[in-house]
Amino acid sequence: EAKLNTGIGFFDHMLDQIARHGLIDLEIEAKGDLH
């Protein structure tokens, strides 16, 4: 299971792959200088 919010859609998609295929429950909240 994954709850992801990095502000970068494709990156969230990749982190979801780690969780799903690693069978890791993963929560990531990130706020960064995306500007």
Full PDB file with SEQRES, HELIX, SHEET, SSBOND, CRYST1, ORIGX, SCALE, CONECT and MASTER records, all heavy atoms in Angstrom:
SEQRES   1 A   35  GLU ALA LYS LEU ASN THR GLY ILE GLY PHE PHE ASP HIS          
SEQRES   2 A   35  MET LEU ASP GLN ILE ALA ARG HIS GLY LEU ILE ASP LEU          
SEQRES   3 A   35  GLU ILE GLU ALA LYS GLY ASP LEU HIS                          
HELIX    1 AA1 GLY A    9  GLY A   22  1                                  14    
SHEET    1 AA1 2 ALA A   2  ASN A   5  0                                        
SHEET    2 AA1 2 LEU A  26  GLU A  29  1                                        
CRYST1    1.000    1.000    1.000  90.00  90.00  90.00 P 1           1          
ORIGX1      1.000000  0.000000  0.000000        0.00000                         
ORIGX2      0.000000  1.000000  0.000000        0.00000                         
ORIGX3      0.000000  0.000000  1.000000        0.00000                         
SCALE1      1.000000  0.000000  0.000000        0.00000                         
SCALE2      0.000000  1.000000  0.000000        0.00000                         
SCALE3      0.000000  0.000000  1.000000        0.00000                         
ATOM      1  N   GLU A   1       0.838  -1.194   0.000  1.00  0.00           N  
ATOM      2  CA  GLU A   1       0.000   0.000   0.000  1.00  0.00           C  
ATOM      3  C   GLU A   1       0.876   1.249   0.000  1.00  0.00           C  
ATOM      4  O   GLU A   1       1.914   1.296   0.662  1.00  0.00           O  
ATOM      5  CB  GLU A   1      -0.911   0.015   1.221  1.00  0.00           C  
ATOM      6  CG  GLU A   1      -1.924  -1.125   1.250  1.00  0.00           C  
ATOM      7  CD  GLU A   1      -2.916  -1.045   0.108  1.00  0.00           C  
ATOM      8  OE1 GLU A   1      -3.357   0.086  -0.211  1.00  0.00           O  
ATOM      9  OE2 GLU A   1      -3.235  -2.096  -0.480  1.00  0.00           O  
ATOM     10  N   ALA A   2       0.445   2.269  -0.729  1.00  0.00           N  
ATOM     11  CA  ALA A   2       1.244   3.487  -0.824  1.00  0.00           C  
ATOM     12  C   ALA A   2       0.373   4.732  -0.747  1.00  0.00           C  
ATOM     13  O   ALA A   2      -0.711   4.781  -1.324  1.00  0.00           O  
ATOM     14  CB  ALA A   2       2.037   3.496  -2.127  1.00  0.00           C  
ATOM     15  N   LYS A   3       0.851   5.719   0.003  1.00  0.00           N  
ATOM     16  CA  LYS A   3       0.266   7.054   0.046  1.00  0.00           C  
ATOM     17  C   LYS A   3       1.397   8.024  -0.270  1.00  0.00           C  
ATOM     18  O   LYS A   3       2.318   8.190   0.528  1.00  0.00           O  
ATOM     19  CB  LYS A   3      -0.330   7.350   1.419  1.00  0.00           C  
ATOM     20  CG  LYS A   3      -1.501   6.452   1.798  1.00  0.00           C  
ATOM     21  CD  LYS A   3      -2.024   6.800   3.183  1.00  0.00           C  
ATOM     22  CE  LYS A   3      -3.169   5.878   3.582  1.00  0.00           C  
ATOM     23  NZ  LYS A   3      -3.657   6.184   4.963  1.00  0.00           N  
ATOM     24  N   LEU A   4       1.325   8.638  -1.436  1.00  0.00           N  
ATOM     25  CA  LEU A   4       2.470   9.381  -1.953  1.00  0.00           C  
ATOM     26  C   LEU A   4       2.057  10.775  -2.399  1.00  0.00           C  
ATOM     27  O   LEU A   4       1.050  10.936  -3.088  1.00  0.00           O  
ATOM     28  CB  LEU A   4       3.084   8.629  -3.141  1.00  0.00           C  
ATOM     29  CG  LEU A   4       3.433   7.154  -2.879  1.00  0.00           C  
ATOM     30  CD1 LEU A   4       3.655   6.426  -4.180  1.00  0.00           C  
ATOM     31  CD2 LEU A   4       4.645   7.060  -1.972  1.00  0.00           C  
ATOM     32  N   ASN A   5       2.862  11.747  -2.038  1.00  0.00           N  
ATOM     33  CA  ASN A   5       2.612  13.112  -2.479  1.00  0.00           C  
ATOM     34  C   ASN A   5       3.922  13.878  -2.497  1.00  0.00           C  
ATOM     35  O   ASN A   5       4.333  14.470  -1.501  1.00  0.00           O  
ATOM     36  CB  ASN A   5       1.608  13.808  -1.556  1.00  0.00           C  
ATOM     37  CG  ASN A   5       1.261  15.207  -2.043  1.00  0.00           C  
ATOM     38  OD1 ASN A   5       1.498  15.562  -3.193  1.00  0.00           O  
ATOM     39  ND2 ASN A   5       0.711  16.022  -1.145  1.00  0.00           N  
ATOM     40  N   THR A   6       4.600  13.837  -3.647  1.00  0.00           N  
ATOM     41  CA  THR A   6       5.868  14.546  -3.788  1.00  0.00           C  
ATOM     42  C   THR A   6       5.737  15.807  -4.629  1.00  0.00           C  
ATOM     43  O   THR A   6       6.685  16.588  -4.713  1.00  0.00           O  
ATOM     44  CB  THR A   6       6.931  13.642  -4.450  1.00  0.00           C  
ATOM     45  OG1 THR A   6       6.545  13.377  -5.811  1.00  0.00           O  
ATOM     46  CG2 THR A   6       7.090  12.337  -3.690  1.00  0.00           C  
ATOM     47  N   GLY A   7       4.596  15.974  -5.280  1.00  0.00           N  
ATOM     48  CA  GLY A   7       4.426  17.109  -6.180  1.00  0.00           C  
ATOM     49  C   GLY A   7       4.910  16.827  -7.590  1.00  0.00           C  
ATOM     50  O   GLY A   7       4.774  17.672  -8.474  1.00  0.00           O  
ATOM     51  N   ILE A   8       5.463  15.648  -7.813  1.00  0.00           N  
ATOM     52  CA  ILE A   8       5.936  15.247  -9.154  1.00  0.00           C  
ATOM     53  C   ILE A   8       5.207  13.955  -9.515  1.00  0.00           C  
ATOM     54  O   ILE A   8       5.523  12.888  -8.979  1.00  0.00           O  
ATOM     55  CB  ILE A   8       7.462  15.030  -9.187  1.00  0.00           C  
ATOM     56  CG1 ILE A   8       8.194  16.268  -8.660  1.00  0.00           C  
ATOM     57  CG2 ILE A   8       7.935  14.705 -10.600  1.00  0.00           C  
ATOM     58  CD1 ILE A   8       9.691  16.065  -8.461  1.00  0.00           C  
ATOM     59  N   GLY A   9       4.245  14.047 -10.405  1.00  0.00           N  
ATOM     60  CA  GLY A   9       3.363  12.919 -10.695  1.00  0.00           C  
ATOM     61  C   GLY A   9       4.081  11.650 -11.111  1.00  0.00           C  
ATOM     62  O   GLY A   9       3.780  10.564 -10.603  1.00  0.00           O  
ATOM     63  N   PHE A  10       5.014  11.752 -12.023  1.00  0.00           N  
ATOM     64  CA  PHE A  10       5.703  10.547 -12.501  1.00  0.00           C  
ATOM     65  C   PHE A  10       6.548   9.934 -11.396  1.00  0.00           C  
ATOM     66  O   PHE A  10       6.643   8.703 -11.292  1.00  0.00           O  
ATOM     67  CB  PHE A  10       6.581  10.853 -13.718  1.00  0.00           C  
ATOM     68  CG  PHE A  10       7.234   9.629 -14.285  1.00  0.00           C  
ATOM     69  CD1 PHE A  10       6.524   8.718 -15.047  1.00  0.00           C  
ATOM     70  CD2 PHE A  10       8.574   9.353 -14.020  1.00  0.00           C  
ATOM     71  CE1 PHE A  10       7.122   7.564 -15.543  1.00  0.00           C  
ATOM     72  CE2 PHE A  10       9.178   8.204 -14.512  1.00  0.00           C  
ATOM     73  CZ  PHE A  10       8.451   7.313 -15.281  1.00  0.00           C  
ATOM     74  N   PHE A  11       7.149  10.763 -10.561  1.00  0.00           N  
ATOM     75  CA  PHE A  11       7.943  10.257  -9.443  1.00  0.00           C  
ATOM     76  C   PHE A  11       7.057   9.488  -8.472  1.00  0.00           C  
ATOM     77  O   PHE A  11       7.434   8.406  -7.996  1.00  0.00           O  
ATOM     78  CB  PHE A  11       8.652  11.419  -8.748  1.00  0.00           C  
ATOM     79  CG  PHE A  11       9.636  11.016  -7.682  1.00  0.00           C  
ATOM     80  CD1 PHE A  11      10.453   9.906  -7.824  1.00  0.00           C  
ATOM     81  CD2 PHE A  11       9.758  11.788  -6.529  1.00  0.00           C  
ATOM     82  CE1 PHE A  11      11.373   9.547  -6.835  1.00  0.00           C  
ATOM     83  CE2 PHE A  11      10.670  11.444  -5.541  1.00  0.00           C  
ATOM     84  CZ  PHE A  11      11.472  10.327  -5.699  1.00  0.00           C  
ATOM     85  N   ASP A  12       5.867  10.006  -8.189  1.00  0.00           N  
ATOM     86  CA  ASP A  12       4.913   9.265  -7.356  1.00  0.00           C  
ATOM     87  C   ASP A  12       4.602   7.905  -7.972  1.00  0.00           C  
ATOM     88  O   ASP A  12       4.502   6.895  -7.263  1.00  0.00           O  
ATOM     89  CB  ASP A  12       3.614  10.052  -7.184  1.00  0.00           C  
ATOM     90  CG  ASP A  12       3.744  11.230  -6.230  1.00  0.00           C  
ATOM     91  OD1 ASP A  12       4.780  11.341  -5.546  1.00  0.00           O  
ATOM     92  OD2 ASP A  12       2.802  12.040  -6.175  1.00  0.00           O  
ATOM     93  N   HIS A  13       4.443   7.878  -9.274  1.00  0.00           N  
ATOM     94  CA  HIS A  13       4.165   6.623  -9.995  1.00  0.00           C  
ATOM     95  C   HIS A  13       5.308   5.628  -9.804  1.00  0.00           C  
ATOM     96  O   HIS A  13       5.072   4.424  -9.612  1.00  0.00           O  
ATOM     97  CB  HIS A  13       3.949   6.944 -11.473  1.00  0.00           C  
ATOM     98  CG  HIS A  13       3.642   5.765 -12.339  1.00  0.00           C  
ATOM     99  ND1 HIS A  13       2.734   4.781 -11.998  1.00  0.00           N  
ATOM    100  CD2 HIS A  13       4.118   5.413 -13.567  1.00  0.00           C  
ATOM    101  CE1 HIS A  13       2.665   3.880 -12.961  1.00  0.00           C  
ATOM    102  NE2 HIS A  13       3.503   4.233 -13.917  1.00  0.00           N  
ATOM    103  N   MET A  14       6.543   6.101  -9.831  1.00  0.00           N  
ATOM    104  CA  MET A  14       7.694   5.218  -9.653  1.00  0.00           C  
ATOM    105  C   MET A  14       7.804   4.733  -8.209  1.00  0.00           C  
ATOM    106  O   MET A  14       8.118   3.564  -7.956  1.00  0.00           O  
ATOM    107  CB  MET A  14       8.989   5.931 -10.064  1.00  0.00           C  
ATOM    108  CG  MET A  14       9.082   6.269 -11.544  1.00  0.00           C  
ATOM    109  SD  MET A  14       9.012   4.807 -12.637  1.00  0.00           S  
ATOM    110  CE  MET A  14       7.271   4.792 -13.101  1.00  0.00           C  
ATOM    111  N   LEU A  15       7.551   5.606  -7.250  1.00  0.00           N  
ATOM    112  CA  LEU A  15       7.578   5.199  -5.841  1.00  0.00           C  
ATOM    113  C   LEU A  15       6.504   4.167  -5.557  1.00  0.00           C  
ATOM    114  O   LEU A  15       6.693   3.251  -4.748  1.00  0.00           O  
ATOM    115  CB  LEU A  15       7.395   6.425  -4.942  1.00  0.00           C  
ATOM    116  CG  LEU A  15       8.535   7.445  -4.974  1.00  0.00           C  
ATOM    117  CD1 LEU A  15       8.116   8.724  -4.251  1.00  0.00           C  
ATOM    118  CD2 LEU A  15       9.810   6.873  -4.359  1.00  0.00           C  
ATOM    119  N   ASP A  16       5.378   4.292  -6.242  1.00  0.00           N  
ATOM    120  CA  ASP A  16       4.300   3.310  -6.106  1.00  0.00           C  
ATOM    121  C   ASP A  16       4.761   1.939  -6.590  1.00  0.00           C  
ATOM    122  O   ASP A  16       4.380   0.899  -6.030  1.00  0.00           O  
ATOM    123  CB  ASP A  16       3.078   3.773  -6.891  1.00  0.00           C  
ATOM    124  CG  ASP A  16       1.815   3.005  -6.536  1.00  0.00           C  
ATOM    125  OD1 ASP A  16       1.730   2.439  -5.432  1.00  0.00           O  
ATOM    126  OD2 ASP A  16       0.886   2.978  -7.373  1.00  0.00           O  
ATOM    127  N   GLN A  17       5.610   1.910  -7.624  1.00  0.00           N  
ATOM    128  CA  GLN A  17       6.144   0.632  -8.113  1.00  0.00           C  
ATOM    129  C   GLN A  17       7.017  -0.032  -7.046  1.00  0.00           C  
ATOM    130  O   GLN A  17       6.969  -1.252  -6.857  1.00  0.00           O  
ATOM    131  CB  GLN A  17       6.978   0.851  -9.383  1.00  0.00           C  
ATOM    132  CG  GLN A  17       6.260   1.522 -10.529  1.00  0.00           C  
ATOM    133  CD  GLN A  17       4.991   0.806 -10.944  1.00  0.00           C  
ATOM    134  OE1 GLN A  17       4.914  -0.425 -10.919  1.00  0.00           O  
ATOM    135  NE2 GLN A  17       3.987   1.582 -11.314  1.00  0.00           N  
ATOM    136  N   ILE A  18       7.811   0.781  -6.335  1.00  0.00           N  
ATOM    137  CA  ILE A  18       8.659   0.227  -5.272  1.00  0.00           C  
ATOM    138  C   ILE A  18       7.796  -0.410  -4.199  1.00  0.00           C  
ATOM    139  O   ILE A  18       8.055  -1.528  -3.741  1.00  0.00           O  
ATOM    140  CB  ILE A  18       9.547   1.326  -4.663  1.00  0.00           C  
ATOM    141  CG1 ILE A  18      10.535   1.858  -5.706  1.00  0.00           C  
ATOM    142  CG2 ILE A  18      10.312   0.781  -3.448  1.00  0.00           C  
ATOM    143  CD1 ILE A  18      11.344   3.058  -5.227  1.00  0.00           C  
ATOM    144  N   ALA A  19       6.747   0.314  -3.780  1.00  0.00           N  
ATOM    145  CA  ALA A  19       5.864  -0.209  -2.743  1.00  0.00           C  
ATOM    146  C   ALA A  19       5.176  -1.486  -3.192  1.00  0.00           C  
ATOM    147  O   ALA A  19       5.179  -2.504  -2.486  1.00  0.00           O  
ATOM    148  CB  ALA A  19       4.827   0.848  -2.354  1.00  0.00           C  
ATOM    149  N   ARG A  20       4.587  -1.445  -4.380  1.00  0.00           N  
ATOM    150  CA  ARG A  20       3.787  -2.577  -4.859  1.00  0.00           C  
ATOM    151  C   ARG A  20       4.633  -3.821  -5.071  1.00  0.00           C  
ATOM    152  O   ARG A  20       4.270  -4.915  -4.646  1.00  0.00           O  
ATOM    153  CB  ARG A  20       3.097  -2.184  -6.180  1.00  0.00           C  
ATOM    154  CG  ARG A  20       2.113  -3.218  -6.713  1.00  0.00           C  
ATOM    155  CD  ARG A  20       0.915  -3.358  -5.789  1.00  0.00           C  
ATOM    156  NE  ARG A  20       0.269  -2.084  -5.537  1.00  0.00           N  
ATOM    157  CZ  ARG A  20      -0.673  -1.557  -6.319  1.00  0.00           C  
ATOM    158  NH1 ARG A  20      -1.068  -2.198  -7.400  1.00  0.00           N  
ATOM    159  NH2 ARG A  20      -1.222  -0.402  -6.034  1.00  0.00           N  
ATOM    160  N   HIS A  21       5.771  -3.650  -5.724  1.00  0.00           N  
ATOM    161  CA  HIS A  21       6.594  -4.814  -6.048  1.00  0.00           C  
ATOM    162  C   HIS A  21       7.527  -5.211  -4.909  1.00  0.00           C  
ATOM    163  O   HIS A  21       7.997  -6.350  -4.864  1.00  0.00           O  
ATOM    164  CB  HIS A  21       7.366  -4.564  -7.343  1.00  0.00           C  
ATOM    165  CG  HIS A  21       6.463  -4.469  -8.531  1.00  0.00           C  
ATOM    166  ND1 HIS A  21       5.979  -5.577  -9.188  1.00  0.00           N  
ATOM    167  CD2 HIS A  21       5.897  -3.395  -9.146  1.00  0.00           C  
ATOM    168  CE1 HIS A  21       5.174  -5.198 -10.173  1.00  0.00           C  
ATOM    169  NE2 HIS A  21       5.110  -3.876 -10.159  1.00  0.00           N  
ATOM    170  N   GLY A  22       7.767  -4.290  -3.975  1.00  0.00           N  
ATOM    171  CA  GLY A  22       8.564  -4.624  -2.802  1.00  0.00           C  
ATOM    172  C   GLY A  22       7.724  -5.112  -1.644  1.00  0.00           C  
ATOM    173  O   GLY A  22       8.273  -5.509  -0.619  1.00  0.00           O  
ATOM    174  N   LEU A  23       6.383  -5.059  -1.801  1.00  0.00           N  
ATOM    175  CA  LEU A  23       5.453  -5.389  -0.707  1.00  0.00           C  
ATOM    176  C   LEU A  23       5.802  -4.592   0.549  1.00  0.00           C  
ATOM    177  O   LEU A  23       5.848  -5.107   1.662  1.00  0.00           O  
ATOM    178  CB  LEU A  23       5.427  -6.888  -0.417  1.00  0.00           C  
ATOM    179  CG  LEU A  23       4.727  -7.750  -1.478  1.00  0.00           C  
ATOM    180  CD1 LEU A  23       4.709  -9.214  -1.058  1.00  0.00           C  
ATOM    181  CD2 LEU A  23       3.307  -7.256  -1.738  1.00  0.00           C  
ATOM    182  N   ILE A  24       6.057  -3.315   0.322  1.00  0.00           N  
ATOM    183  CA  ILE A  24       6.359  -2.367   1.389  1.00  0.00           C  
ATOM    184  C   ILE A  24       5.186  -1.401   1.500  1.00  0.00           C  
ATOM    185  O   ILE A  24       4.752  -0.843   0.490  1.00  0.00           O  
ATOM    186  CB  ILE A  24       7.628  -1.561   1.070  1.00  0.00           C  
ATOM    187  CG1 ILE A  24       8.834  -2.482   0.880  1.00  0.00           C  
ATOM    188  CG2 ILE A  24       7.907  -0.523   2.142  1.00  0.00           C  
ATOM    189  CD1 ILE A  24      10.018  -1.776   0.241  1.00  0.00           C  
ATOM    190  N   ASP A  25       4.659  -1.214   2.701  1.00  0.00           N  
ATOM    191  CA  ASP A  25       3.707  -0.135   2.909  1.00  0.00           C  
ATOM    192  C   ASP A  25       4.513   1.149   3.036  1.00  0.00           C  
ATOM    193  O   ASP A  25       5.428   1.256   3.865  1.00  0.00           O  
ATOM    194  CB  ASP A  25       2.871  -0.371   4.164  1.00  0.00           C  
ATOM    195  CG  ASP A  25       1.873  -1.513   3.985  1.00  0.00           C  
ATOM    196  OD1 ASP A  25       1.638  -1.926   2.830  1.00  0.00           O  
ATOM    197  OD2 ASP A  25       1.336  -1.992   4.993  1.00  0.00           O  
ATOM    198  N   LEU A  26       4.160   2.127   2.203  1.00  0.00           N  
ATOM    199  CA  LEU A  26       5.008   3.305   2.059  1.00  0.00           C  
ATOM    200  C   LEU A  26       4.172   4.574   2.069  1.00  0.00           C  
ATOM    201  O   LEU A  26       3.228   4.715   1.299  1.00  0.00           O  
ATOM    202  CB  LEU A  26       5.783   3.199   0.737  1.00  0.00           C  
ATOM    203  CG  LEU A  26       6.763   4.291   0.360  1.00  0.00           C  
ATOM    204  CD1 LEU A  26       7.853   4.428   1.402  1.00  0.00           C  
ATOM    205  CD2 LEU A  26       7.373   4.003  -1.015  1.00  0.00           C  
ATOM    206  N   GLU A  27       4.523   5.486   2.972  1.00  0.00           N  
ATOM    207  CA  GLU A  27       3.909   6.810   3.015  1.00  0.00           C  
ATOM    208  C   GLU A  27       5.005   7.845   2.834  1.00  0.00           C  
ATOM    209  O   GLU A  27       6.006   7.825   3.555  1.00  0.00           O  
ATOM    210  CB  GLU A  27       3.201   7.056   4.348  1.00  0.00           C  
ATOM    211  CG  GLU A  27       2.014   6.154   4.615  1.00  0.00           C  
ATOM    212  CD  GLU A  27       1.362   6.458   5.959  1.00  0.00           C  
ATOM    213  OE1 GLU A  27       1.544   7.597   6.469  1.00  0.00           O  
ATOM    214  OE2 GLU A  27       0.693   5.567   6.502  1.00  0.00           O  
ATOM    215  N   ILE A  28       4.814   8.728   1.854  1.00  0.00           N  
ATOM    216  CA  ILE A  28       5.787   9.792   1.620  1.00  0.00           C  
ATOM    217  C   ILE A  28       5.054  11.106   1.395  1.00  0.00           C  
ATOM    218  O   ILE A  28       4.215  11.217   0.505  1.00  0.00           O  
ATOM    219  CB  ILE A  28       6.693   9.494   0.411  1.00  0.00           C  
ATOM    220  CG1 ILE A  28       7.518   8.226   0.644  1.00  0.00           C  
ATOM    221  CG2 ILE A  28       7.613  10.676   0.134  1.00  0.00           C  
ATOM    222  CD1 ILE A  28       8.411   7.848  -0.519  1.00  0.00           C  
ATOM    223  N   GLU A  29       5.377  12.100   2.224  1.00  0.00           N  
ATOM    224  CA  GLU A  29       4.905  13.461   2.057  1.00  0.00           C  
ATOM    225  C   GLU A  29       6.128  14.332   1.837  1.00  0.00           C  
ATOM    226  O   GLU A  29       7.044  14.344   2.668  1.00  0.00           O  
ATOM    227  CB  GLU A  29       4.142  13.938   3.290  1.00  0.00           C  
ATOM    228  CG  GLU A  29       2.728  13.399   3.405  1.00  0.00           C  
ATOM    229  CD  GLU A  29       1.756  14.085   2.455  1.00  0.00           C  
ATOM    230  OE1 GLU A  29       2.065  15.213   1.995  1.00  0.00           O  
ATOM    231  OE2 GLU A  29       0.706  13.489   2.177  1.00  0.00           O  
ATOM    232  N   ALA A  30       6.158  15.031   0.717  1.00  0.00           N  
ATOM    233  CA  ALA A  30       7.324  15.857   0.413  1.00  0.00           C  
ATOM    234  C   ALA A  30       6.891  17.220  -0.102  1.00  0.00           C  
ATOM    235  O   ALA A  30       6.036  17.323  -0.986  1.00  0.00           O  
ATOM    236  CB  ALA A  30       8.205  15.166  -0.621  1.00  0.00           C  
ATOM    237  N   LYS A  31       7.482  18.248   0.471  1.00  0.00           N  
ATOM    238  CA  LYS A  31       7.319  19.604  -0.029  1.00  0.00           C  
ATOM    239  C   LYS A  31       8.708  20.123  -0.358  1.00  0.00           C  
ATOM    240  O   LYS A  31       9.581  20.167   0.512  1.00  0.00           O  
ATOM    241  CB  LYS A  31       6.644  20.495   1.018  1.00  0.00           C  
ATOM    242  CG  LYS A  31       5.208  20.107   1.325  1.00  0.00           C  
ATOM    243  CD  LYS A  31       4.595  21.038   2.356  1.00  0.00           C  
ATOM    244  CE  LYS A  31       3.158  20.642   2.666  1.00  0.00           C  
ATOM    245  NZ  LYS A  31       2.545  21.527   3.700  1.00  0.00           N  
ATOM    246  N   GLY A  32       8.902  20.487  -1.610  1.00  0.00           N  
ATOM    247  CA  GLY A  32      10.226  20.925  -2.030  1.00  0.00           C  
ATOM    248  C   GLY A  32      10.161  22.152  -2.909  1.00  0.00           C  
ATOM    249  O   GLY A  32       9.076  22.632  -3.264  1.00  0.00           O  
ATOM    250  N   ASP A  33      11.332  22.666  -3.262  1.00  0.00           N  
ATOM    251  CA  ASP A  33      11.429  23.884  -4.070  1.00  0.00           C  
ATOM    252  C   ASP A  33      11.242  23.557  -5.560  1.00  0.00           C  
ATOM    253  O   ASP A  33      12.147  23.759  -6.375  1.00  0.00           O  
ATOM    254  CB  ASP A  33      12.759  24.592  -3.799  1.00  0.00           C  
ATOM    255  CG  ASP A  33      13.970  23.660  -3.917  1.00  0.00           C  
ATOM    256  OD1 ASP A  33      13.781  22.476  -4.273  1.00  0.00           O  
ATOM    257  OD2 ASP A  33      15.091  24.114  -3.659  1.00  0.00           O  
ATOM    258  N   LEU A  34      10.045  23.083  -5.891  1.00  0.00           N  
ATOM    259  CA  LEU A  34       9.761  22.692  -7.272  1.00  0.00           C  
ATOM    260  C   LEU A  34       9.714  23.885  -8.219  1.00  0.00           C  
ATOM    261  O   LEU A  34       9.732  23.707  -9.441  1.00  0.00           O  
ATOM    262  CB  LEU A  34       8.441  21.914  -7.334  1.00  0.00           C  
ATOM    263  CG  LEU A  34       8.419  20.586  -6.572  1.00  0.00           C  
ATOM    264  CD1 LEU A  34       7.062  19.912  -6.728  1.00  0.00           C  
ATOM    265  CD2 LEU A  34       9.530  19.661  -7.048  1.00  0.00           C  
ATOM    266  N   HIS A  35       9.644  25.096  -7.668  1.00  0.00           N  
ATOM    267  CA  HIS A  35       9.706  26.286  -8.530  1.00  0.00           C  
ATOM    268  C   HIS A  35      11.092  26.421  -9.149  1.00  0.00           C  
ATOM    269  O   HIS A  35      11.260  27.116 -10.167  1.00  0.00           O  
ATOM    270  CB  HIS A  35       9.361  27.541  -7.735  1.00  0.00           C  
ATOM    271  CG  HIS A  35      10.292  27.818  -6.595  1.00  0.00           C  
ATOM    272  ND1 HIS A  35      10.265  27.089  -5.426  1.00  0.00           N  
ATOM    273  CD2 HIS A  35      11.282  28.748  -6.453  1.00  0.00           C  
ATOM    274  CE1 HIS A  35      11.188  27.557  -4.603  1.00  0.00           C  
ATOM    275  NE2 HIS A  35      11.831  28.550  -5.197  1.00  0.00           N  
TER     276      HIS A  35                                                      
MASTER        0    0    0    1    2    0    0    6  275    1    0    3          
END                                                                             
